[in-house]
């Protein structure tokens, strides 16, 4: 089950029983490519993509039981 991230003190968060699902966007059209998105529960997986110029889009949603 997935729910939207909540905003607490201006920061996206998930309730304790949910795992944040992060996403990044490749900004494809600006680079002459198709748009691409990556969704992960382990934010460290996005680091190499961000180093390549992908855009950190924060928490896409919160997943129950996701890991």
Protein backbone atom coordinates (compact mmCIF):
# COMPACT_ATOMS: atom_id res chain seq x y z
CA UNK A 1 0.00 0.00 0.00
CA UNK A 2 1.27 3.48 -0.81
CA UNK A 3 0.37 6.88 0.60
CA UNK A 4 1.58 10.40 -0.24
CA UNK A 5 4.51 11.83 1.68
CA UNK A 6 3.56 14.29 4.37
CA UNK A 7 5.10 17.72 4.92
CA UNK A 8 6.42 18.37 8.43
CA UNK A 9 8.26 21.63 9.08
CA UNK A 10 8.73 22.05 5.32
CA UNK A 11 10.28 18.60 4.87
CA UNK A 12 8.81 15.53 3.16
CA UNK A 13 8.42 12.64 5.60
CA UNK A 14 6.70 9.27 5.86
CA UNK A 15 4.90 7.90 8.91
CA UNK A 16 7.01 5.52 11.04
CA UNK A 17 5.37 2.38 9.64
CA UNK A 18 6.09 3.42 6.02
CA UNK A 19 9.26 3.47 3.95
CA UNK A 20 10.04 6.52 1.80
CA UNK A 21 10.28 5.74 -1.91
CA UNK A 22 12.62 8.29 -3.45
CA UNK A 23 12.71 9.28 -7.08
CA UNK A 24 15.00 11.04 -9.51
CA UNK A 25 14.32 12.48 -12.94
CA UNK A 26 16.84 12.49 -15.79
CA UNK A 27 15.60 15.80 -17.31
CA UNK A 28 15.73 13.99 -20.64
CA UNK A 29 14.15 16.58 -22.95
CA UNK A 30 16.75 19.16 -21.91
CA UNK A 31 19.42 16.66 -22.92
CA UNK A 32 17.76 15.47 -26.14
CA UNK A 33 16.69 12.17 -24.52
CA UNK A 34 13.44 10.54 -23.46
CA UNK A 35 12.27 11.32 -19.94
CA UNK A 36 13.33 8.77 -17.36
CA UNK A 37 12.51 8.25 -13.71
CA UNK A 38 14.10 6.01 -11.07
CA UNK A 39 12.25 4.94 -7.92
CA UNK A 40 14.17 3.39 -5.02
CA UNK A 41 13.75 2.74 -1.30
CA UNK A 42 17.50 3.11 -0.67
CA UNK A 43 18.39 6.72 -1.38
CA UNK A 44 22.10 5.89 -1.75
CA UNK A 45 21.24 4.12 -5.02
CA UNK A 46 20.38 7.53 -6.48
CA UNK A 47 23.75 9.12 -5.69
CA UNK A 48 25.50 7.96 -8.90
CA UNK A 49 22.55 9.23 -10.95
CA UNK A 50 22.61 12.60 -9.21
CA UNK A 51 26.34 12.79 -9.94
CA UNK A 52 25.44 12.32 -13.63
CA UNK A 53 23.05 15.28 -13.55
CA UNK A 54 19.76 13.61 -12.68
CA UNK A 55 17.37 15.75 -10.61
CA UNK A 56 16.61 14.69 -7.04
CA UNK A 57 12.81 14.79 -6.90
CA UNK A 58 12.53 13.81 -3.22
CA UNK A 59 10.03 11.32 -1.85
CA UNK A 60 7.59 10.09 -4.49
CA UNK A 61 5.39 8.26 -1.98
CA UNK A 62 5.51 6.21 1.20
CA UNK A 63 5.23 2.44 0.94
CA UNK A 64 4.00 0.08 3.62
CA UNK A 65 6.30 -2.88 3.95
CA UNK A 66 8.67 -1.57 1.26
CA UNK A 67 12.36 -2.12 1.67
